[in-house]
PDB file of N, CA and C in Angstrom:
ATOM      1  N   UNK A   1     -24.535 130.774 -36.976  1.00  0.00           N
ATOM      2  CA  UNK A   1     -24.364 129.932 -35.804  1.00  0.00           C
ATOM      3  C   UNK A   1     -23.116 130.359 -35.054  1.00  0.00           C
ATOM      4  N   UNK A   2     -23.186 130.241 -33.741  1.00  0.00           N
ATOM      5  CA  UNK A   2     -22.036 130.580 -32.906  1.00  0.00           C
ATOM      6  C   UNK A   2     -21.753 129.428 -31.968  1.00  0.00           C
ATOM      7  N   UNK A   3     -20.522 129.347 -31.537  1.00  0.00           N
ATOM      8  CA  UNK A   3     -20.141 128.300 -30.597  1.00  0.00           C
ATOM      9  C   UNK A   3     -20.309 128.824 -29.179  1.00  0.00           C
ATOM     10  N   UNK A   4     -21.067 128.103 -28.400  1.00  0.00           N
ATOM     11  CA  UNK A   4     -21.270 128.450 -26.999  1.00  0.00           C
ATOM     12  C   UNK A   4     -20.215 127.754 -26.159  1.00  0.00           C
ATOM     13  N   UNK A   5     -20.084 128.153 -24.882  1.00  0.00           N
ATOM     14  CA  UNK A   5     -19.131 127.464 -24.013  1.00  0.00           C
ATOM     15  C   UNK A   5     -19.375 125.954 -24.041  1.00  0.00           C
ATOM     16  N   UNK A   6     -18.317 125.199 -24.045  1.00  0.00           N
ATOM     17  CA  UNK A   6     -18.435 123.749 -24.080  1.00  0.00           C
ATOM     18  C   UNK A   6     -18.499 123.213 -25.495  1.00  0.00           C
ATOM     19  N   UNK A   7     -18.389 124.098 -26.499  1.00  0.00           N
ATOM     20  CA  UNK A   7     -18.377 123.655 -27.882  1.00  0.00           C
ATOM     21  C   UNK A   7     -19.742 123.390 -28.475  1.00  0.00           C
ATOM     22  N   UNK A   8     -20.800 123.720 -27.778  1.00  0.00           N
ATOM     23  CA  UNK A   8     -22.148 123.505 -28.294  1.00  0.00           C
ATOM     24  C   UNK A   8     -22.447 124.575 -29.338  1.00  0.00           C
ATOM     25  N   UNK A   9     -23.008 124.179 -30.478  1.00  0.00           N
ATOM     26  CA  UNK A   9     -23.359 125.136 -31.518  1.00  0.00           C
ATOM     27  C   UNK A   9     -24.755 125.671 -31.256  1.00  0.00           C
ATOM     28  N   UNK A  10     -24.867 126.996 -31.294  1.00  0.00           N
ATOM     29  CA  UNK A  10     -26.134 127.657 -31.000  1.00  0.00           C
ATOM     30  C   UNK A  10     -26.541 128.483 -32.210  1.00  0.00           C
ATOM     31  N   UNK A  11     -27.759 128.326 -32.669  1.00  0.00           N
ATOM     32  CA  UNK A  11     -28.280 129.114 -33.786  1.00  0.00           C
ATOM     33  C   UNK A  11     -29.333 130.057 -33.243  1.00  0.00           C
ATOM     34  N   UNK A  12     -28.984 131.307 -33.019  1.00  0.00           N
ATOM     35  CA  UNK A  12     -29.951 132.279 -32.516  1.00  0.00           C
ATOM     36  C   UNK A  12     -30.239 132.075 -31.048  1.00  0.00           C
ATOM     37  N   UNK A  13     -31.251 132.788 -30.568  1.00  0.00           N
ATOM     38  CA  UNK A  13     -31.602 132.682 -29.158  1.00  0.00           C
ATOM     39  C   UNK A  13     -32.679 131.617 -28.943  1.00  0.00           C
ATOM     40  N   UNK A  14     -32.971 131.374 -27.701  1.00  0.00           N
ATOM     41  CA  UNK A  14     -34.012 130.423 -27.340  1.00  0.00           C
ATOM     42  C   UNK A  14     -35.305 130.796 -28.055  1.00  0.00           C
ATOM     43  N   UNK A  15     -35.964 129.854 -28.684  1.00  0.00           N
ATOM     44  CA  UNK A  15     -37.177 130.152 -29.446  1.00  0.00           C
ATOM     45  C   UNK A  15     -38.309 130.686 -28.589  1.00  0.00           C
ATOM     46  N   UNK A  16     -38.303 130.384 -27.305  1.00  0.00           N
ATOM     47  CA  UNK A  16     -39.396 130.827 -26.447  1.00  0.00           C
ATOM     48  C   UNK A  16     -39.264 132.279 -26.010  1.00  0.00           C
ATOM     49  N   UNK A  17     -38.102 132.866 -26.181  1.00  0.00           N
ATOM     50  CA  UNK A  17     -37.907 134.263 -25.811  1.00  0.00           C
ATOM     51  C   UNK A  17     -38.057 135.084 -27.082  1.00  0.00           C
ATOM     52  N   UNK A  18     -39.059 135.951 -27.100  1.00  0.00           N
ATOM     53  CA  UNK A  18     -39.384 136.746 -28.269  1.00  0.00           C
ATOM     54  C   UNK A  18     -38.803 138.156 -28.159  1.00  0.00           C
ATOM     55  N   UNK A  19     -38.454 138.755 -29.302  1.00  0.00           N
ATOM     56  CA  UNK A  19     -38.045 140.160 -29.264  1.00  0.00           C
ATOM     57  C   UNK A  19     -39.188 141.004 -28.691  1.00  0.00           C
ATOM     58  N   UNK A  20     -38.854 141.960 -27.856  1.00  0.00           N
ATOM     59  CA  UNK A  20     -39.862 142.808 -27.216  1.00  0.00           C
ATOM     60  C   UNK A  20     -39.702 144.282 -27.571  1.00  0.00           C
ATOM     61  N   UNK A  21     -38.613 144.636 -28.219  1.00  0.00           N
ATOM     62  CA  UNK A  21     -38.329 146.041 -28.515  1.00  0.00           C
ATOM     63  C   UNK A  21     -39.026 146.513 -29.784  1.00  0.00           C
ATOM     64  N   UNK A  22     -39.500 147.741 -29.754  1.00  0.00           N
ATOM     65  CA  UNK A  22     -40.032 148.463 -30.902  1.00  0.00           C
ATOM     66  C   UNK A  22     -41.312 147.848 -31.465  1.00  0.00           C
ATOM     67  N   UNK A  23     -42.250 147.554 -30.596  1.00  0.00           N
ATOM     68  CA  UNK A  23     -43.563 147.106 -31.013  1.00  0.00           C
ATOM     69  C   UNK A  23     -44.611 148.126 -30.596  1.00  0.00           C
ATOM     70  N   UNK A  24     -45.692 148.165 -31.334  1.00  0.00           N
ATOM     71  CA  UNK A  24     -46.830 149.003 -30.963  1.00  0.00           C
ATOM     72  C   UNK A  24     -48.006 148.068 -30.734  1.00  0.00           C
ATOM     73  N   UNK A  25     -48.576 148.060 -29.565  1.00  0.00           N
ATOM     74  CA  UNK A  25     -48.177 148.772 -28.353  1.00  0.00           C
ATOM     75  C   UNK A  25     -46.915 148.149 -27.750  1.00  0.00           C
ATOM     76  N   UNK A  26     -46.238 148.902 -26.869  1.00  0.00           N
ATOM     77  CA  UNK A  26     -45.014 148.387 -26.242  1.00  0.00           C
ATOM     78  C   UNK A  26     -45.270 147.094 -25.460  1.00  0.00           C
ATOM     79  N   UNK A  27     -44.210 146.366 -25.207  1.00  0.00           N
ATOM     80  CA  UNK A  27     -44.305 145.109 -24.457  1.00  0.00           C
ATOM     81  C   UNK A  27     -44.962 145.350 -23.101  1.00  0.00           C
ATOM     82  N   UNK A  28     -45.866 144.456 -22.753  1.00  0.00           N
ATOM     83  CA  UNK A  28     -46.549 144.554 -21.463  1.00  0.00           C
ATOM     84  C   UNK A  28     -45.652 144.009 -20.355  1.00  0.00           C
ATOM     85  N   UNK A  29     -46.008 144.318 -19.121  1.00  0.00           N
ATOM     86  CA  UNK A  29     -45.261 143.774 -17.983  1.00  0.00           C
ATOM     87  C   UNK A  29     -45.342 142.251 -17.973  1.00  0.00           C
ATOM     88  N   UNK A  30     -46.463 141.698 -18.405  1.00  0.00           N
ATOM     89  CA  UNK A  30     -46.614 140.234 -18.456  1.00  0.00           C
ATOM     90  C   UNK A  30     -45.646 139.628 -19.473  1.00  0.00           C
ATOM     91  N   UNK A  31     -45.482 140.274 -20.632  1.00  0.00           N
ATOM     92  CA  UNK A  31     -44.549 139.776 -21.642  1.00  0.00           C
ATOM     93  C   UNK A  31     -43.114 139.844 -21.133  1.00  0.00           C
ATOM     94  N   UNK A  32     -42.785 140.925 -20.448  1.00  0.00           N
ATOM     95  CA  UNK A  32     -41.442 141.082 -19.888  1.00  0.00           C
ATOM     96  C   UNK A  32     -41.198 140.005 -18.831  1.00  0.00           C
ATOM     97  N   UNK A  33     -42.171 139.784 -17.962  1.00  0.00           N
ATOM     98  CA  UNK A  33     -42.050 138.748 -16.930  1.00  0.00           C
ATOM     99  C   UNK A  33     -41.882 137.369 -17.566  1.00  0.00           C
ATOM    100  N   UNK A  34     -42.696 137.064 -18.583  1.00  0.00           N
ATOM    101  CA  UNK A  34     -42.616 135.758 -19.240  1.00  0.00           C
ATOM    102  C   UNK A  34     -41.249 135.537 -19.883  1.00  0.00           C
ATOM    103  N   UNK A  35     -40.676 136.575 -20.487  1.00  0.00           N
ATOM    104  CA  UNK A  35     -39.343 136.456 -21.083  1.00  0.00           C
ATOM    105  C   UNK A  35     -38.297 136.207 -19.997  1.00  0.00           C
ATOM    106  N   UNK A  36     -38.416 136.928 -18.879  1.00  0.00           N
ATOM    107  CA  UNK A  36     -37.481 136.730 -17.767  1.00  0.00           C
ATOM    108  C   UNK A  36     -37.597 135.312 -17.210  1.00  0.00           C
ATOM    109  N   UNK A  37     -38.816 134.831 -17.083  1.00  0.00           N
ATOM    110  CA  UNK A  37     -39.048 133.476 -16.580  1.00  0.00           C
ATOM    111  C   UNK A  37     -38.412 132.439 -17.514  1.00  0.00           C
ATOM    112  N   UNK A  38     -38.598 132.597 -18.823  1.00  0.00           N
ATOM    113  CA  UNK A  38     -38.004 131.661 -19.776  1.00  0.00           C
ATOM    114  C   UNK A  38     -36.482 131.690 -19.701  1.00  0.00           C
ATOM    115  N   UNK A  39     -35.930 132.889 -19.534  1.00  0.00           N
ATOM    116  CA  UNK A  39     -34.476 133.034 -19.428  1.00  0.00           C
ATOM    117  C   UNK A  39     -33.950 132.296 -18.199  1.00  0.00           C
ATOM    118  N   UNK A  40     -34.586 132.489 -17.062  1.00  0.00           N
ATOM    119  CA  UNK A  40     -34.143 131.831 -15.827  1.00  0.00           C
ATOM    120  C   UNK A  40     -34.330 130.318 -15.943  1.00  0.00           C
ATOM    121  N   UNK A  41     -35.429 129.880 -16.533  1.00  0.00           N
ATOM    122  CA  UNK A  41     -35.632 128.441 -16.742  1.00  0.00           C
ATOM    123  C   UNK A  41     -34.521 127.858 -17.596  1.00  0.00           C
ATOM    124  N   UNK A  42     -34.165 128.567 -18.658  1.00  0.00           N
ATOM    125  CA  UNK A  42     -33.126 128.077 -19.565  1.00  0.00           C
ATOM    126  C   UNK A  42     -31.781 127.984 -18.843  1.00  0.00           C
ATOM    127  N   UNK A  43     -31.425 129.040 -18.103  1.00  0.00           N
ATOM    128  CA  UNK A  43     -30.140 129.039 -17.404  1.00  0.00           C
ATOM    129  C   UNK A  43     -30.071 127.989 -16.310  1.00  0.00           C
ATOM    130  N   UNK A  44     -31.168 127.834 -15.574  1.00  0.00           N
ATOM    131  CA  UNK A  44     -31.154 126.902 -14.445  1.00  0.00           C
ATOM    132  C   UNK A  44     -31.334 125.457 -14.888  1.00  0.00           C
ATOM    133  N   UNK A  45     -31.887 125.278 -16.087  1.00  0.00           N
ATOM    134  CA  UNK A  45     -32.150 123.929 -16.569  1.00  0.00           C
ATOM    135  C   UNK A  45     -33.356 123.292 -15.910  1.00  0.00           C
ATOM    136  N   UNK A  46     -34.191 124.129 -15.274  1.00  0.00           N
ATOM    137  CA  UNK A  46     -35.353 123.604 -14.563  1.00  0.00           C
ATOM    138  C   UNK A  46     -36.605 124.399 -14.921  1.00  0.00           C
ATOM    139  N   UNK A  47     -37.668 123.714 -15.345  1.00  0.00           N
ATOM    140  CA  UNK A  47     -38.912 124.429 -15.633  1.00  0.00           C
ATOM    141  C   UNK A  47     -39.558 124.991 -14.361  1.00  0.00           C
ATOM    142  N   UNK A  48     -39.338 124.306 -13.261  1.00  0.00           N
ATOM    143  CA  UNK A  48     -39.820 124.768 -11.949  1.00  0.00           C
ATOM    144  C   UNK A  48     -38.737 124.485 -10.934  1.00  0.00           C
ATOM    145  N   UNK A  49     -38.469 125.434 -10.062  1.00  0.00           N
ATOM    146  CA  UNK A  49     -37.420 125.198  -9.069  1.00  0.00           C
ATOM    147  C   UNK A  49     -37.901 124.291  -7.948  1.00  0.00           C
ATOM    148  N   UNK A  50     -36.971 123.657  -7.285  1.00  0.00           N
ATOM    149  CA  UNK A  50     -37.314 122.904  -6.080  1.00  0.00           C
ATOM    150  C   UNK A  50     -37.692 123.905  -4.995  1.00  0.00           C
ATOM    151  N   UNK A  51     -38.299 123.425  -3.925  1.00  0.00           N
ATOM    152  CA  UNK A  51     -38.653 124.319  -2.820  1.00  0.00           C
ATOM    153  C   UNK A  51     -37.408 125.007  -2.265  1.00  0.00           C
ATOM    154  N   UNK A  52     -36.301 124.302  -2.248  1.00  0.00           N
ATOM    155  CA  UNK A  52     -35.060 124.855  -1.716  1.00  0.00           C
ATOM    156  C   UNK A  52     -34.540 126.014  -2.580  1.00  0.00           C
ATOM    157  N   UNK A  53     -34.878 126.004  -3.871  1.00  0.00           N
ATOM    158  CA  UNK A  53     -34.374 127.028  -4.782  1.00  0.00           C
ATOM    159  C   UNK A  53     -35.429 128.038  -5.214  1.00  0.00           C
ATOM    160  N   UNK A  54     -36.652 127.901  -4.752  1.00  0.00           N
ATOM    161  CA  UNK A  54     -37.753 128.754  -5.220  1.00  0.00           C
ATOM    162  C   UNK A  54     -37.492 130.240  -4.972  1.00  0.00           C
ATOM    163  N   UNK A  55     -36.978 130.585  -3.808  1.00  0.00           N
ATOM    164  CA  UNK A  55     -36.749 131.996  -3.492  1.00  0.00           C
ATOM    165  C   UNK A  55     -35.703 132.610  -4.427  1.00  0.00           C
ATOM    166  N   UNK A  56     -34.610 131.909  -4.646  1.00  0.00           N
ATOM    167  CA  UNK A  56     -33.563 132.410  -5.542  1.00  0.00           C
ATOM    168  C   UNK A  56     -34.081 132.506  -6.976  1.00  0.00           C
ATOM    169  N   UNK A  57     -34.844 131.520  -7.399  1.00  0.00           N
ATOM    170  CA  UNK A  57     -35.422 131.483  -8.743  1.00  0.00           C
ATOM    171  C   UNK A  57     -36.358 132.677  -8.940  1.00  0.00           C
ATOM    172  N   UNK A  58     -37.276 132.882  -8.004  1.00  0.00           N
ATOM    173  CA  UNK A  58     -38.245 133.981  -8.097  1.00  0.00           C
ATOM    174  C   UNK A  58     -37.549 135.343  -8.048  1.00  0.00           C
ATOM    175  N   UNK A  59     -36.524 135.461  -7.221  1.00  0.00           N
ATOM    176  CA  UNK A  59     -35.785 136.711  -7.128  1.00  0.00           C
ATOM    177  C   UNK A  59     -35.074 137.000  -8.451  1.00  0.00           C
ATOM    178  N   UNK A  60     -34.489 135.979  -9.056  1.00  0.00           N
ATOM    179  CA  UNK A  60     -33.807 136.156 -10.338  1.00  0.00           C
ATOM    180  C   UNK A  60     -34.792 136.595 -11.418  1.00  0.00           C
ATOM    181  N   UNK A  61     -35.969 135.978 -11.457  1.00  0.00           N
ATOM    182  CA  UNK A  61     -36.987 136.372 -12.438  1.00  0.00           C
ATOM    183  C   UNK A  61     -37.359 137.838 -12.253  1.00  0.00           C
ATOM    184  N   UNK A  62     -37.593 138.254 -11.016  1.00  0.00           N
ATOM    185  CA  UNK A  62     -37.982 139.641 -10.744  1.00  0.00           C
ATOM    186  C   UNK A  62     -36.871 140.612 -11.134  1.00  0.00           C
ATOM    187  N   UNK A  63     -35.627 140.288 -10.813  1.00  0.00           N
ATOM    188  CA  UNK A  63     -34.504 141.174 -11.138  1.00  0.00           C
ATOM    189  C   UNK A  63     -34.297 141.276 -12.643  1.00  0.00           C
ATOM    190  N   UNK A  64     -34.410 140.163 -13.340  1.00  0.00           N
ATOM    191  CA  UNK A  64     -34.231 140.171 -14.792  1.00  0.00           C
ATOM    192  C   UNK A  64     -35.385 140.915 -15.463  1.00  0.00           C
ATOM    193  N   UNK A  65     -36.601 140.730 -14.966  1.00  0.00           N
ATOM    194  CA  UNK A  65     -37.747 141.464 -15.516  1.00  0.00           C
ATOM    195  C   UNK A  65     -37.553 142.968 -15.327  1.00  0.00           C
ATOM    196  N   UNK A  66     -37.078 143.373 -14.167  1.00  0.00           N
ATOM    197  CA  UNK A  66     -36.836 144.793 -13.895  1.00  0.00           C
ATOM    198  C   UNK A  66     -35.759 145.348 -14.835  1.00  0.00           C
ATOM    199  N   UNK A  67     -34.677 144.613 -15.005  1.00  0.00           N
ATOM    200  CA  UNK A  67     -33.605 145.047 -15.905  1.00  0.00           C
ATOM    201  C   UNK A  67     -34.091 145.102 -17.351  1.00  0.00           C
ATOM    202  N   UNK A  68     -34.894 144.127 -17.729  1.00  0.00           N
ATOM    203  CA  UNK A  68     -35.432 144.088 -19.092  1.00  0.00           C
ATOM    204  C   UNK A  68     -36.345 145.276 -19.345  1.00  0.00           C
ATOM    205  N   UNK A  69     -37.215 145.584 -18.401  1.00  0.00           N
ATOM    206  CA  UNK A  69     -38.114 146.729 -18.551  1.00  0.00           C
ATOM    207  C   UNK A  69     -37.307 148.018 -18.685  1.00  0.00           C
ATOM    208  N   UNK A  70     -36.291 148.164 -17.849  1.00  0.00           N
ATOM    209  CA  UNK A  70     -35.441 149.359 -17.901  1.00  0.00           C
ATOM    210  C   UNK A  70     -34.748 149.455 -19.266  1.00  0.00           C
ATOM    211  N   UNK A  71     -34.226 148.335 -19.750  1.00  0.00           N
ATOM    212  CA  UNK A  71     -33.580 148.311 -21.059  1.00  0.00           C
ATOM    213  C   UNK A  71     -34.566 148.727 -22.155  1.00  0.00           C
ATOM    214  N   UNK A  72     -35.725 148.119 -22.181  1.00  0.00           N
ATOM    215  CA  UNK A  72     -36.711 148.435 -23.216  1.00  0.00           C
ATOM    216  C   UNK A  72     -37.126 149.899 -23.163  1.00  0.00           C
ATOM    217  N   UNK A  73     -37.250 150.447 -21.957  1.00  0.00           N
ATOM    218  CA  UNK A  73     -37.640 151.855 -21.810  1.00  0.00           C
ATOM    219  C   UNK A  73     -36.550 152.808 -22.283  1.00  0.00           C
ATOM    220  N   UNK A  74     -35.281 152.370 -22.240  1.00  0.00           N
ATOM    221  CA  UNK A  74     -34.171 153.244 -22.590  1.00  0.00           C
ATOM    222  C   UNK A  74     -33.681 153.083 -24.026  1.00  0.00           C
ATOM    223  N   UNK A  75     -34.059 152.002 -24.698  1.00  0.00           N
ATOM    224  CA  UNK A  75     -33.606 151.802 -26.077  1.00  0.00           C
ATOM    225  C   UNK A  75     -34.216 152.857 -26.992  1.00  0.00           C
ATOM    226  N   UNK A  76     -33.411 153.305 -27.964  1.00  0.00           N
ATOM    227  CA  UNK A  76     -33.835 154.332 -28.907  1.00  0.00           C
ATOM    228  C   UNK A  76     -33.708 153.770 -30.315  1.00  0.00           C
ATOM    229  N   UNK A  77     -34.682 154.064 -31.156  1.00  0.00           N
ATOM    230  CA  UNK A  77     -34.618 153.640 -32.548  1.00  0.00           C
ATOM    231  C   UNK A  77     -35.323 154.669 -33.419  1.00  0.00           C
ATOM    232  N   UNK A  78     -34.904 154.728 -34.671  1.00  0.00           N
ATOM    233  CA  UNK A  78     -35.591 155.600 -35.618  1.00  0.00           C
ATOM    234  C   UNK A  78     -36.535 154.792 -36.503  1.00  0.00           C
ATOM    235  N   UNK A  79     -36.505 153.472 -36.361  1.00  0.00           N
ATOM    236  CA  UNK A  79     -37.382 152.607 -37.153  1.00  0.00           C
ATOM    237  C   UNK A  79     -38.816 152.728 -36.652  1.00  0.00           C
ATOM    238  N   UNK A  80     -39.769 152.621 -37.547  1.00  0.00           N
ATOM    239  CA  UNK A  80     -41.165 152.663 -37.099  1.00  0.00           C
ATOM    240  C   UNK A  80     -41.484 151.417 -36.278  1.00  0.00           C
ATOM    241  N   UNK A  81     -42.404 151.521 -35.324  1.00  0.00           N
ATOM    242  CA  UNK A  81     -42.764 150.345 -34.511  1.00  0.00           C
ATOM    243  C   UNK A  81     -43.312 149.217 -35.386  1.00  0.00           C
ATOM    244  N   UNK A  82     -42.977 147.991 -34.989  1.00  0.00           N
ATOM    245  CA  UNK A  82     -43.445 146.817 -35.717  1.00  0.00           C
ATOM    246  C   UNK A  82     -44.855 146.468 -35.263  1.00  0.00           C
ATOM    247  N   UNK A  83     -45.603 145.871 -36.179  1.00  0.00           N
ATOM    248  CA  UNK A  83     -46.955 145.422 -35.904  1.00  0.00           C
ATOM    249  C   UNK A  83     -46.894 143.969 -35.442  1.00  0.00           C
ATOM    250  N   UNK A  84     -47.468 143.681 -34.287  1.00  0.00           N
ATOM    251  CA  UNK A  84     -47.397 142.325 -33.720  1.00  0.00           C
ATOM    252  C   UNK A  84     -48.019 141.277 -34.633  1.00  0.00           C
ATOM    253  N   UNK A  85     -49.149 141.590 -35.236  1.00  0.00           N
ATOM    254  CA  UNK A  85     -49.826 140.617 -36.102  1.00  0.00           C
ATOM    255  C   UNK A  85     -48.999 140.310 -37.349  1.00  0.00           C
ATOM    256  N   UNK A  86     -48.403 141.343 -37.934  1.00  0.00           N
ATOM    257  CA  UNK A  86     -47.571 141.147 -39.122  1.00  0.00           C
ATOM    258  C   UNK A  86     -46.347 140.306 -38.766  1.00  0.00           C
ATOM    259  N   UNK A  87     -45.700 140.610 -37.649  1.00  0.00           N
ATOM    260  CA  UNK A  87     -44.518 139.848 -37.231  1.00  0.00           C
ATOM    261  C   UNK A  87     -44.885 138.400 -36.901  1.00  0.00           C
ATOM    262  N   UNK A  88     -46.052 138.179 -36.303  1.00  0.00           N
ATOM    263  CA  UNK A  88     -46.504 136.819 -35.995  1.00  0.00           C
ATOM    264  C   UNK A  88     -46.760 136.041 -37.285  1.00  0.00           C
ATOM    265  N   UNK A  89     -47.336 136.695 -38.278  1.00  0.00           N
ATOM    266  CA  UNK A  89     -47.581 136.040 -39.563  1.00  0.00           C
ATOM    267  C   UNK A  89     -46.261 135.656 -40.234  1.00  0.00           C
ATOM    268  N   UNK A  90     -45.273 136.543 -40.166  1.00  0.00           N
ATOM    269  CA  UNK A  90     -43.949 136.228 -40.723  1.00  0.00           C
ATOM    270  C   UNK A  90     -43.341 135.019 -40.012  1.00  0.00           C
ATOM    271  N   UNK A  91     -43.471 134.980 -38.687  1.00  0.00           N
ATOM    272  CA  UNK A  91     -42.920 133.857 -37.911  1.00  0.00           C
ATOM    273  C   UNK A  91     -43.612 132.553 -38.285  1.00  0.00           C
ATOM    274  N   UNK A  92     -44.937 132.603 -38.452  1.00  0.00           N
ATOM    275  CA  UNK A  92     -45.668 131.389 -38.856  1.00  0.00           C
ATOM    276  C   UNK A  92     -45.216 130.917 -40.229  1.00  0.00           C
ATOM    277  N   UNK A  93     -44.980 131.849 -41.145  1.00  0.00           N
ATOM    278  CA  UNK A  93     -44.526 131.482 -42.482  1.00  0.00           C
ATOM    279  C   UNK A  93     -43.134 130.846 -42.432  1.00  0.00           C
ATOM    280  N   UNK A  94     -42.233 131.417 -41.623  1.00  0.00           N
ATOM    281  CA  UNK A  94     -40.896 130.828 -41.479  1.00  0.00           C
ATOM    282  C   UNK A  94     -40.990 129.426 -40.886  1.00  0.00           C
ATOM    283  N   UNK A  95     -41.856 129.263 -39.902  1.00  0.00           N
ATOM    284  CA  UNK A  95     -42.034 127.969 -39.252  1.00  0.00           C
ATOM    285  C   UNK A  95     -42.588 126.942 -40.237  1.00  0.00           C
ATOM    286  N   UNK A  96     -43.577 127.340 -41.018  1.00  0.00           N
ATOM    287  CA  UNK A  96     -44.168 126.425 -42.003  1.00  0.00           C
ATOM    288  C   UNK A  96     -43.129 125.988 -43.017  1.00  0.00           C
ATOM    289  N   UNK A  97     -42.286 126.929 -43.439  1.00  0.00           N
ATOM    290  CA  UNK A  97     -41.231 126.595 -44.407  1.00  0.00           C
ATOM    291  C   UNK A  97     -40.203 125.658 -43.766  1.00  0.00           C
ATOM    292  N   UNK A  98     -39.833 125.928 -42.528  1.00  0.00           N
ATOM    293  CA  UNK A  98     -38.829 125.112 -41.836  1.00  0.00           C
ATOM    294  C   UNK A  98     -39.330 123.678 -41.644  1.00  0.00           C
ATOM    295  N   UNK A  99     -40.589 123.521 -41.255  1.00  0.00           N
ATOM    296  CA  UNK A  99     -41.103 122.182 -40.969  1.00  0.00           C
ATOM    297  C   UNK A  99     -41.611 121.461 -42.209  1.00  0.00           C
ATOM    298  N   UNK A 100     -41.698 122.156 -43.340  1.00  0.00           N
ATOM    299  CA  UNK A 100     -42.127 121.516 -44.583  1.00  0.00           C
ATOM    300  C   UNK A 100     -40.998 120.710 -45.206  1.00  0.00           C
ATOM    301  N   UNK A 101     -39.786 121.005 -44.776  1.00  0.00           N
ATOM    302  CA  UNK A 101     -38.604 120.328 -45.372  1.00  0.00           C
ATOM    303  C   UNK A 101     -38.524 118.885 -44.984  1.00  0.00           C
TER     304      UNK A 101
END
């Protein structure tokens, strides 16, 4: 756990934003867009922007998606690509254990 600004304790990243690096097949543009959208929603504190803020919100999503795609394309690893189904099964098992308590 780490302390975020304002003294709030944060454990890991937002659950809705999934790791996108080193998967086979690589992350799709839709997955990158969805991650960018979740990030902007989290930062703005709004699931949907008001009409007055829609342009800024949409522009931020597009810019973050572009930066994310560039990052994913440039990252290098020697690890073999992860299998999406195997990683999803691991996540379900962790979730089942967490909520069984």
